[in-house]
Amino acid sequence: MSAFADIAVVITAHNYGHYLAACLDSVFSQTLLPQQVVVVDDASEDDTATVVRAFSNVEYCRVDFRNGNRARNFGFLKVAAEYVAFFDADNMMMPQFLDVLYGALCKNPEATFAYGDRVNFAEGDSSNHLLPVGLHKSGPLEAQRLKRANYIDLAALIRSDRFPGFDPVLRRYQDWDLWLNIALKQGGSGLYVPEALFRYRVHSQSVSQREDRDLAQWAIRQKYGMGWGALPLLRHSFFLYRCAQWIKAHTWG
């Protein structure tokens, strides 16, 4: 029988009832079980509530934010555990996900969060997806690399007392924003475990497929004053930022 640890898992869902059962199955199949599981259903119009009722010991919350980051922040308000993992309803944990990350943080009390690698798998024809299928390696947390682009997924284990909250203005790259906040503003550190710890579903309904990548990146660079987004004119004009990106790509490659 699996042991329990002082961990909360917060799962957010919007019309992901057809994925949620597999996600919850993966959480309750952990070799180290969480003490608390919270599902935040953000204005779903499907069978999300029915799916949750099939699982015991899940705290179900219904909200009408239609905003993933507001839903995640709401879920965190319910957290009473020392560690928290935010997980998307369309993904699945490997059985050792919590065990490995919890063990890493226990051995390294100075680390703010711990994370690993993932396996991308496609739903349907993978040729139309932005992300390649197969193993996706993250790598150690390096501030300069993180400033250039995000490479650390949201699926991580965080010390609850170091969690700064998600920015509800952002519609995409909330993971990039979170790690930049922790690394640059808090002076926190992330511990990389080079092991595949969860399965990431690539499909047409995901935010990564829907949202404008350039606009989302510009918002992050504007917020942290990084790169082209740090220039005064570009800071206030997405059109100028996109022009600068085009010039950079066609001038320097």
C-alpha atoms as a PDB file:
ATOM      1  CA  MET A   1       0.000   0.000   0.000  1.00  0.00           C
ATOM      2  CA  SER A   2       1.353   3.429  -0.967  1.00  0.00           C
ATOM      3  CA  ALA A   3       2.334   5.889   1.726  1.00  0.00           C
ATOM      4  CA  PHE A   4       1.010   9.452   1.946  1.00  0.00           C
ATOM      5  CA  ALA A   5       2.953  12.721   2.029  1.00  0.00           C
ATOM      6  CA  ASP A   6       2.041  16.309   2.885  1.00  0.00           C
ATOM      7  CA  ILE A   7       1.302  17.131  -0.760  1.00  0.00           C
ATOM      8  CA  ALA A   8      -1.676  18.730  -2.484  1.00  0.00           C
ATOM      9  CA  VAL A   9      -2.459  18.254  -6.169  1.00  0.00           C
ATOM     10  CA  VAL A  10      -4.533  21.001  -7.801  1.00  0.00           C
ATOM     11  CA  ILE A  11      -6.124  20.034 -11.119  1.00  0.00           C
ATOM     12  CA  THR A  12      -7.898  22.615 -13.247  1.00  0.00           C
ATOM     13  CA  ALA A  13     -10.386  21.642 -15.942  1.00  0.00           C
ATOM     14  CA  HIS A  14     -12.585  23.326 -18.516  1.00  0.00           C
ATOM     15  CA  ASN A  15     -14.631  20.882 -20.607  1.00  0.00           C
ATOM     16  CA  TYR A  16     -11.973  18.214 -20.083  1.00  0.00           C
ATOM     17  CA  GLY A  17     -14.245  15.588 -18.552  1.00  0.00           C
ATOM     18  CA  HIS A  18     -13.217  13.093 -21.244  1.00  0.00           C
ATOM     19  CA  TYR A  19      -9.590  13.385 -20.069  1.00  0.00           C
ATOM     20  CA  LEU A  20     -10.096  13.866 -16.334  1.00  0.00           C
ATOM     21  CA  ALA A  21     -10.640  10.224 -15.335  1.00  0.00           C
ATOM     22  CA  ALA A  22      -7.277   9.188 -16.763  1.00  0.00           C
ATOM     23  CA  CYS A  23      -5.620  12.122 -15.018  1.00  0.00           C
ATOM     24  CA  LEU A  24      -7.158  11.290 -11.634  1.00  0.00           C
ATOM     25  CA  ASP A  25      -6.347   7.605 -12.082  1.00  0.00           C
ATOM     26  CA  SER A  26      -2.704   8.585 -12.518  1.00  0.00           C
ATOM     27  CA  VAL A  27      -2.792  10.716  -9.340  1.00  0.00           C
ATOM     28  CA  PHE A  28      -4.287   7.925  -7.235  1.00  0.00           C
ATOM     29  CA  SER A  29      -1.827   5.399  -8.690  1.00  0.00           C
ATOM     30  CA  GLN A  30       1.198   7.224  -7.308  1.00  0.00           C
ATOM     31  CA  THR A  31       3.804   5.301  -5.341  1.00  0.00           C
ATOM     32  CA  LEU A  32       3.629   8.243  -2.908  1.00  0.00           C
ATOM     33  CA  LEU A  33       0.071   9.503  -2.550  1.00  0.00           C
ATOM     34  CA  PRO A  34      -0.953  13.125  -1.925  1.00  0.00           C
ATOM     35  CA  GLN A  35      -2.878  14.039   1.203  1.00  0.00           C
ATOM     36  CA  GLN A  36      -5.147  16.370  -0.768  1.00  0.00           C
ATOM     37  CA  VAL A  37      -6.532  16.459  -4.310  1.00  0.00           C
ATOM     38  CA  VAL A  38      -8.486  19.504  -5.490  1.00  0.00           C
ATOM     39  CA  VAL A  39     -10.306  19.686  -8.823  1.00  0.00           C
ATOM     40  CA  VAL A  40     -11.305  23.181  -9.926  1.00  0.00           C
ATOM     41  CA  ASP A  41     -13.974  22.983 -12.609  1.00  0.00           C
ATOM     42  CA  ASP A  42     -13.954  26.314 -14.429  1.00  0.00           C
ATOM     43  CA  ALA A  43     -17.359  26.688 -16.099  1.00  0.00           C
ATOM     44  CA  SER A  44     -17.353  23.277 -17.781  1.00  0.00           C
ATOM     45  CA  GLU A  45     -20.393  22.338 -19.831  1.00  0.00           C
ATOM     46  CA  ASP A  46     -19.581  18.627 -20.027  1.00  0.00           C
ATOM     47  CA  ASP A  47     -19.573  15.722 -17.539  1.00  0.00           C
ATOM     48  CA  THR A  48     -16.618  16.947 -15.454  1.00  0.00           C
ATOM     49  CA  ALA A  49     -18.643  16.936 -12.210  1.00  0.00           C
ATOM     50  CA  THR A  50     -19.902  13.402 -12.885  1.00  0.00           C
ATOM     51  CA  VAL A  51     -16.374  12.156 -13.510  1.00  0.00           C
ATOM     52  CA  VAL A  52     -15.133  13.604 -10.210  1.00  0.00           C
ATOM     53  CA  ARG A  53     -17.939  11.949  -8.234  1.00  0.00           C
ATOM     54  CA  ALA A  54     -16.511   8.556  -9.197  1.00  0.00           C
ATOM     55  CA  PHE A  55     -13.390   9.327  -7.137  1.00  0.00           C
ATOM     56  CA  SER A  56     -13.357   9.480  -3.364  1.00  0.00           C
ATOM     57  CA  ASN A  57     -11.264  11.974  -1.413  1.00  0.00           C
ATOM     58  CA  VAL A  58     -11.389  14.622  -4.155  1.00  0.00           C
ATOM     59  CA  GLU A  59     -12.388  18.159  -3.234  1.00  0.00           C
ATOM     60  CA  TYR A  60     -14.499  19.461  -6.108  1.00  0.00           C
ATOM     61  CA  CYS A  61     -14.878  23.201  -6.686  1.00  0.00           C
ATOM     62  CA  ARG A  62     -17.072  24.761  -9.337  1.00  0.00           C
ATOM     63  CA  VAL A  63     -16.148  28.293 -10.465  1.00  0.00           C
ATOM     64  CA  ASP A  64     -17.061  30.519 -13.399  1.00  0.00           C
ATOM     65  CA  PHE A  65     -13.839  32.385 -14.108  1.00  0.00           C
ATOM     66  CA  ARG A  66     -13.151  31.115 -17.636  1.00  0.00           C
ATOM     67  CA  ASN A  67      -9.561  31.889 -16.776  1.00  0.00           C
ATOM     68  CA  GLY A  68      -7.073  29.109 -16.064  1.00  0.00           C
ATOM     69  CA  ASN A  69      -4.807  31.145 -13.808  1.00  0.00           C
ATOM     70  CA  ARG A  70      -7.665  32.454 -11.679  1.00  0.00           C
ATOM     71  CA  ALA A  71      -8.853  28.855 -11.341  1.00  0.00           C
ATOM     72  CA  ARG A  72      -5.372  27.717 -10.252  1.00  0.00           C
ATOM     73  CA  ASN A  73      -5.130  30.521  -7.685  1.00  0.00           C
ATOM     74  CA  PHE A  74      -8.561  29.584  -6.356  1.00  0.00           C
ATOM     75  CA  GLY A  75      -7.441  25.984  -6.026  1.00  0.00           C
ATOM     76  CA  PHE A  76      -4.360  27.049  -4.097  1.00  0.00           C
ATOM     77  CA  LEU A  77      -6.587  28.798  -1.537  1.00  0.00           C
ATOM     78  CA  LYS A  78      -7.869  25.324  -0.657  1.00  0.00           C
ATOM     79  CA  VAL A  79      -4.371  23.910  -0.156  1.00  0.00           C
ATOM     80  CA  ALA A  80      -3.346  23.010   3.370  1.00  0.00           C
ATOM     81  CA  ALA A  81      -0.264  20.953   2.469  1.00  0.00           C
ATOM     82  CA  GLU A  82       3.419  21.850   2.620  1.00  0.00           C
ATOM     83  CA  TYR A  83       3.924  21.023  -1.053  1.00  0.00           C
ATOM     84  CA  VAL A  84       1.691  21.658  -4.044  1.00  0.00           C
ATOM     85  CA  ALA A  85       1.619  20.381  -7.624  1.00  0.00           C
ATOM     86  CA  PHE A  86      -0.485  22.092 -10.282  1.00  0.00           C
ATOM     87  CA  PHE A  87      -1.550  19.641 -12.950  1.00  0.00           C
ATOM     88  CA  ASP A  88      -3.620  19.966 -16.107  1.00  0.00           C
ATOM     89  CA  ALA A  89      -6.579  17.629 -16.552  1.00  0.00           C
ATOM     90  CA  ASP A  90      -5.471  16.420 -19.978  1.00  0.00           C
ATOM     91  CA  ASN A  91      -2.096  15.105 -18.762  1.00  0.00           C
ATOM     92  CA  MET A  92      -1.123  12.045 -16.721  1.00  0.00           C
ATOM     93  CA  MET A  93       1.471  11.467 -14.011  1.00  0.00           C
ATOM     94  CA  MET A  94       3.925   8.595 -14.189  1.00  0.00           C
ATOM     95  CA  PRO A  95       3.561   6.439 -11.025  1.00  0.00           C
ATOM     96  CA  GLN A  96       6.760   7.887  -9.505  1.00  0.00           C
ATOM     97  CA  PHE A  97       5.996  11.580 -10.244  1.00  0.00           C
ATOM     98  CA  LEU A  98       5.294  12.710  -6.675  1.00  0.00           C
ATOM     99  CA  ASP A  99       7.674  10.237  -5.036  1.00  0.00           C
ATOM    100  CA  VAL A 100      10.699  11.383  -7.031  1.00  0.00           C
ATOM    101  CA  LEU A 101      10.030  15.123  -6.760  1.00  0.00           C
ATOM    102  CA  TYR A 102       9.147  14.972  -3.059  1.00  0.00           C
ATOM    103  CA  GLY A 103      12.304  13.003  -2.330  1.00  0.00           C
ATOM    104  CA  ALA A 104      14.394  15.529  -4.256  1.00  0.00           C
ATOM    105  CA  LEU A 105      12.995  18.472  -2.277  1.00  0.00           C
ATOM    106  CA  CYS A 106      13.421  16.680   1.043  1.00  0.00           C
ATOM    107  CA  LYS A 107      17.100  16.107   0.235  1.00  0.00           C
ATOM    108  CA  ASN A 108      17.559  19.705  -0.947  1.00  0.00           C
ATOM    109  CA  PRO A 109      15.759  22.006   1.506  1.00  0.00           C
ATOM    110  CA  GLU A 110      17.124  25.123  -0.224  1.00  0.00           C
ATOM    111  CA  ALA A 111      15.294  24.351  -3.493  1.00  0.00           C
ATOM    112  CA  THR A 112      11.970  26.113  -4.128  1.00  0.00           C
ATOM    113  CA  PHE A 113      10.580  23.547  -6.559  1.00  0.00           C
ATOM    114  CA  ALA A 114      11.525  20.315  -8.302  1.00  0.00           C
ATOM    115  CA  TYR A 115      10.711  19.164 -11.823  1.00  0.00           C
ATOM    116  CA  GLY A 116      11.645  16.543 -14.386  1.00  0.00           C
ATOM    117  CA  ASP A 117      11.178  15.538 -18.011  1.00  0.00           C
ATOM    118  CA  ARG A 118       8.020  14.576 -19.860  1.00  0.00           C
ATOM    119  CA  VAL A 119       6.822  12.358 -22.681  1.00  0.00           C
ATOM    120  CA  ASN A 120       4.708  14.079 -25.348  1.00  0.00           C
ATOM    121  CA  PHE A 121       2.018  11.922 -26.899  1.00  0.00           C
ATOM    122  CA  ALA A 122      -0.365  12.969 -29.642  1.00  0.00           C
ATOM    123  CA  GLU A 123      -4.087  12.632 -29.938  1.00  0.00           C
ATOM    124  CA  GLY A 124      -4.998  12.117 -33.576  1.00  0.00           C
ATOM    125  CA  ASP A 125      -2.752  13.172 -36.445  1.00  0.00           C
ATOM    126  CA  SER A 126       0.465  14.457 -34.876  1.00  0.00           C
ATOM    127  CA  SER A 127       1.554  16.185 -38.106  1.00  0.00           C
ATOM    128  CA  ASN A 128      -0.733  19.122 -37.311  1.00  0.00           C
ATOM    129  CA  HIS A 129       0.653  19.700 -33.812  1.00  0.00           C
ATOM    130  CA  LEU A 130       3.281  22.198 -32.761  1.00  0.00           C
ATOM    131  CA  LEU A 131       5.102  19.873 -30.372  1.00  0.00           C
ATOM    132  CA  PRO A 132       6.961  16.708 -31.403  1.00  0.00           C
ATOM    133  CA  VAL A 133       5.971  13.435 -29.773  1.00  0.00           C
ATOM    134  CA  GLY A 134       8.384  11.474 -27.601  1.00  0.00           C
ATOM    135  CA  LEU A 135      10.712  12.355 -24.753  1.00  0.00           C
ATOM    136  CA  HIS A 136      11.081  16.063 -24.007  1.00  0.00           C
ATOM    137  CA  LYS A 137      14.012  16.904 -21.730  1.00  0.00           C
ATOM    138  CA  SER A 138      13.948  20.038 -19.613  1.00  0.00           C
ATOM    139  CA  GLY A 139      17.401  20.674 -18.142  1.00  0.00           C
ATOM    140  CA  PRO A 140      18.766  22.451 -15.070  1.00  0.00           C
ATOM    141  CA  LEU A 141      17.369  25.841 -14.111  1.00  0.00           C
ATOM    142  CA  GLU A 142      19.598  28.560 -15.596  1.00  0.00           C
ATOM    143  CA  ALA A 143      18.403  32.172 -15.362  1.00  0.00           C
ATOM    144  CA  GLN A 144      19.864  33.273 -18.688  1.00  0.00           C
ATOM    145  CA  ARG A 145      18.389  30.325 -20.546  1.00  0.00           C
ATOM    146  CA  LEU A 146      15.036  30.876 -18.866  1.00  0.00           C
ATOM    147  CA  LYS A 147      15.036  34.513 -19.957  1.00  0.00           C
ATOM    148  CA  ARG A 148      15.378  33.459 -23.586  1.00  0.00           C
ATOM    149  CA  ALA A 149      12.452  31.017 -23.525  1.00  0.00           C
ATOM    150  CA  ASN A 150      10.626  28.646 -21.242  1.00  0.00           C
ATOM    151  CA  TYR A 151      11.730  25.018 -21.065  1.00  0.00           C
ATOM    152  CA  ILE A 152      10.245  23.963 -17.702  1.00  0.00           C
ATOM    153  CA  ASP A 153       6.695  22.625 -17.614  1.00  0.00           C
ATOM    154  CA  LEU A 154       4.087  23.625 -15.068  1.00  0.00           C
ATOM    155  CA  ALA A 155       3.972  20.022 -13.808  1.00  0.00           C
ATOM    156  CA  ALA A 156       6.352  20.365 -10.857  1.00  0.00           C
ATOM    157  CA  LEU A 157       6.325  20.135  -7.060  1.00  0.00           C
ATOM    158  CA  ILE A 158       6.511  23.494  -5.277  1.00  0.00           C
ATOM    159  CA  ARG A 159       6.931  24.452  -1.636  1.00  0.00           C
ATOM    160  CA  SER A 160       3.583  26.037  -0.808  1.00  0.00           C
ATOM    161  CA  ASP A 161       5.086  28.864   1.219  1.00  0.00           C
ATOM    162  CA  ARG A 162       7.152  29.941  -1.807  1.00  0.00           C
ATOM    163  CA  PHE A 163       4.341  29.925  -4.361  1.00  0.00           C
ATOM    164  CA  PRO A 164       3.845  33.524  -5.619  1.00  0.00           C
ATOM    165  CA  GLY A 165       0.534  33.020  -7.385  1.00  0.00           C
ATOM    166  CA  PHE A 166      -0.355  33.003 -11.087  1.00  0.00           C
ATOM    167  CA  ASP A 167      -0.902  36.173 -13.094  1.00  0.00           C
ATOM    168  CA  PRO A 168      -4.596  36.153 -14.173  1.00  0.00           C
ATOM    169  CA  VAL A 169      -3.847  38.565 -17.021  1.00  0.00           C
ATOM    170  CA  LEU A 170      -1.790  35.944 -18.844  1.00  0.00           C
ATOM    171  CA  ARG A 171      -3.597  33.457 -21.068  1.00  0.00           C
ATOM    172  CA  ARG A 172      -0.543  31.430 -21.975  1.00  0.00           C
ATOM    173  CA  TYR A 173       3.000  30.740 -20.710  1.00  0.00           C
ATOM    174  CA  GLN A 174       1.832  30.782 -17.093  1.00  0.00           C
ATOM    175  CA  ASP A 175       4.587  28.262 -16.372  1.00  0.00           C
ATOM    176  CA  TRP A 176       7.276  30.562 -17.834  1.00  0.00           C
ATOM    177  CA  ASP A 177       5.915  33.463 -15.806  1.00  0.00           C
ATOM    178  CA  LEU A 178       5.869  31.369 -12.618  1.00  0.00           C
ATOM    179  CA  TRP A 179       9.476  30.227 -12.944  1.00  0.00           C
ATOM    180  CA  LEU A 180      10.702  33.718 -13.891  1.00  0.00           C
ATOM    181  CA  ASN A 181       8.884  35.101 -10.859  1.00  0.00           C
ATOM    182  CA  ILE A 182      10.466  32.550  -8.545  1.00  0.00           C
ATOM    183  CA  ALA A 183      13.960  32.783 -10.066  1.00  0.00           C
ATOM    184  CA  LEU A 184      14.217  36.525 -10.750  1.00  0.00           C
ATOM    185  CA  LYS A 185      11.983  38.146  -8.129  1.00  0.00           C
ATOM    186  CA  GLN A 186      12.234  35.646  -5.264  1.00  0.00           C
ATOM    187  CA  GLY A 187      15.783  34.493  -5.868  1.00  0.00           C
ATOM    188  CA  GLY A 188      14.460  30.938  -5.624  1.00  0.00           C
ATOM    189  CA  SER A 189      15.911  27.823  -7.208  1.00  0.00           C
ATOM    190  CA  GLY A 190      14.564  24.848  -9.116  1.00  0.00           C
ATOM    191  CA  LEU A 191      15.880  21.313  -8.835  1.00  0.00           C
ATOM    192  CA  TYR A 192      15.973  19.323 -12.073  1.00  0.00           C
ATOM    193  CA  VAL A 193      15.511  15.547 -11.967  1.00  0.00           C
ATOM    194  CA  PRO A 194      16.551  14.002 -15.330  1.00  0.00           C
ATOM    195  CA  GLU A 195      13.749  11.472 -15.485  1.00  0.00           C
ATOM    196  CA  ALA A 196      10.492  11.250 -17.469  1.00  0.00           C
ATOM    197  CA  LEU A 197       7.813  11.897 -14.853  1.00  0.00           C
ATOM    198  CA  PHE A 198       4.599  12.655 -16.700  1.00  0.00           C
ATOM    199  CA  ARG A 199       2.810  12.284 -20.014  1.00  0.00           C
ATOM    200  CA  TYR A 200       1.856  15.465 -21.863  1.00  0.00           C
ATOM    201  CA  ARG A 201      -1.095  15.209 -24.227  1.00  0.00           C
ATOM    202  CA  VAL A 202      -0.709  17.178 -27.463  1.00  0.00           C
ATOM    203  CA  HIS A 203      -4.102  17.917 -29.014  1.00  0.00           C
ATOM    204  CA  SER A 204      -5.996  20.586 -30.898  1.00  0.00           C
ATOM    205  CA  GLN A 205      -7.947  21.834 -27.845  1.00  0.00           C
ATOM    206  CA  SER A 206      -4.886  22.726 -25.788  1.00  0.00           C
ATOM    207  CA  VAL A 207      -4.086  26.374 -25.084  1.00  0.00           C
ATOM    208  CA  SER A 208      -0.695  25.943 -26.772  1.00  0.00           C
ATOM    209  CA  GLN A 209      -2.572  25.326 -30.026  1.00  0.00           C
ATOM    210  CA  ARG A 210      -5.115  28.134 -29.631  1.00  0.00           C
ATOM    211  CA  GLU A 211      -3.278  31.194 -28.346  1.00  0.00           C
ATOM    212  CA  ASP A 212      -1.048  33.505 -30.373  1.00  0.00           C
ATOM    213  CA  ARG A 213       2.534  32.609 -29.452  1.00  0.00           C
ATOM    214  CA  ASP A 214       4.071  35.983 -30.369  1.00  0.00           C
ATOM    215  CA  LEU A 215       1.510  37.943 -28.393  1.00  0.00           C
ATOM    216  CA  ALA A 216       1.961  35.693 -25.364  1.00  0.00           C
ATOM    217  CA  GLN A 217       5.770  35.917 -25.504  1.00  0.00           C
ATOM    218  CA  TRP A 218       5.599  39.682 -25.871  1.00  0.00           C
ATOM    219  CA  ALA A 219       3.457  39.925 -22.733  1.00  0.00           C
ATOM    220  CA  ILE A 220       6.053  37.994 -20.709  1.00  0.00           C
ATOM    221  CA  ARG A 221       9.016  39.964 -22.075  1.00  0.00           C
ATOM    222  CA  GLN A 222       7.182  43.207 -21.418  1.00  0.00           C
ATOM    223  CA  LYS A 223       6.461  42.158 -17.830  1.00  0.00           C
ATOM    224  CA  TYR A 224      10.079  41.272 -17.026  1.00  0.00           C
ATOM    225  CA  GLY A 225      11.796  43.788 -19.330  1.00  0.00           C
ATOM    226  CA  MET A 226      13.632  41.095 -21.269  1.00  0.00           C
ATOM    227  CA  GLY A 227      15.142  41.270 -24.742  1.00  0.00           C
ATOM    228  CA  TRP A 228      13.210  43.185 -27.395  1.00  0.00           C
ATOM    229  CA  GLY A 229      10.362  43.684 -24.951  1.00  0.00           C
ATOM    230  CA  ALA A 230      12.674  45.794 -22.798  1.00  0.00           C
ATOM    231  CA  LEU A 231      12.985  48.556 -25.407  1.00  0.00           C
ATOM    232  CA  PRO A 232      10.777  51.551 -24.432  1.00  0.00           C
ATOM    233  CA  LEU A 233       8.761  51.743 -27.676  1.00  0.00           C
ATOM    234  CA  LEU A 234       8.358  47.988 -27.943  1.00  0.00           C
ATOM    235  CA  ARG A 235       7.262  47.780 -24.353  1.00  0.00           C
ATOM    236  CA  HIS A 236       3.995  49.471 -25.295  1.00  0.00           C
ATOM    237  CA  SER A 237       3.444  48.232 -28.841  1.00  0.00           C
ATOM    238  CA  PHE A 238       2.975  44.622 -29.805  1.00  0.00           C
ATOM    239  CA  PHE A 239       2.975  45.609 -33.493  1.00  0.00           C
ATOM    240  CA  LEU A 240       6.464  47.113 -33.181  1.00  0.00           C
ATOM    241  CA  TYR A 241       7.613  44.098 -31.219  1.00  0.00           C
ATOM    242  CA  ARG A 242       6.438  41.729 -33.952  1.00  0.00           C
ATOM    243  CA  CYS A 243       8.203  43.868 -36.580  1.00  0.00           C
ATOM    244  CA  ALA A 244      11.407  43.706 -34.539  1.00  0.00           C
ATOM    245  CA  GLN A 245      11.086  39.931 -34.281  1.00  0.00           C
ATOM    246  CA  TRP A 246      10.697  39.691 -38.072  1.00  0.00           C
ATOM    247  CA  ILE A 247      13.751  41.920 -38.670  1.00  0.00           C
ATOM    248  CA  LYS A 248      15.811  39.892 -36.206  1.00  0.00           C
ATOM    249  CA  ALA A 249      14.822  36.588 -37.854  1.00  0.00           C
ATOM    250  CA  HIS A 250      15.563  37.792 -41.372  1.00  0.00           C
ATOM    251  CA  THR A 251      18.749  39.695 -40.515  1.00  0.00           C
ATOM    252  CA  TRP A 252      20.561  37.382 -38.119  1.00  0.00           C
ATOM    253  CA  GLY A 253      18.678  34.137 -38.805  1.00  0.00           C
END
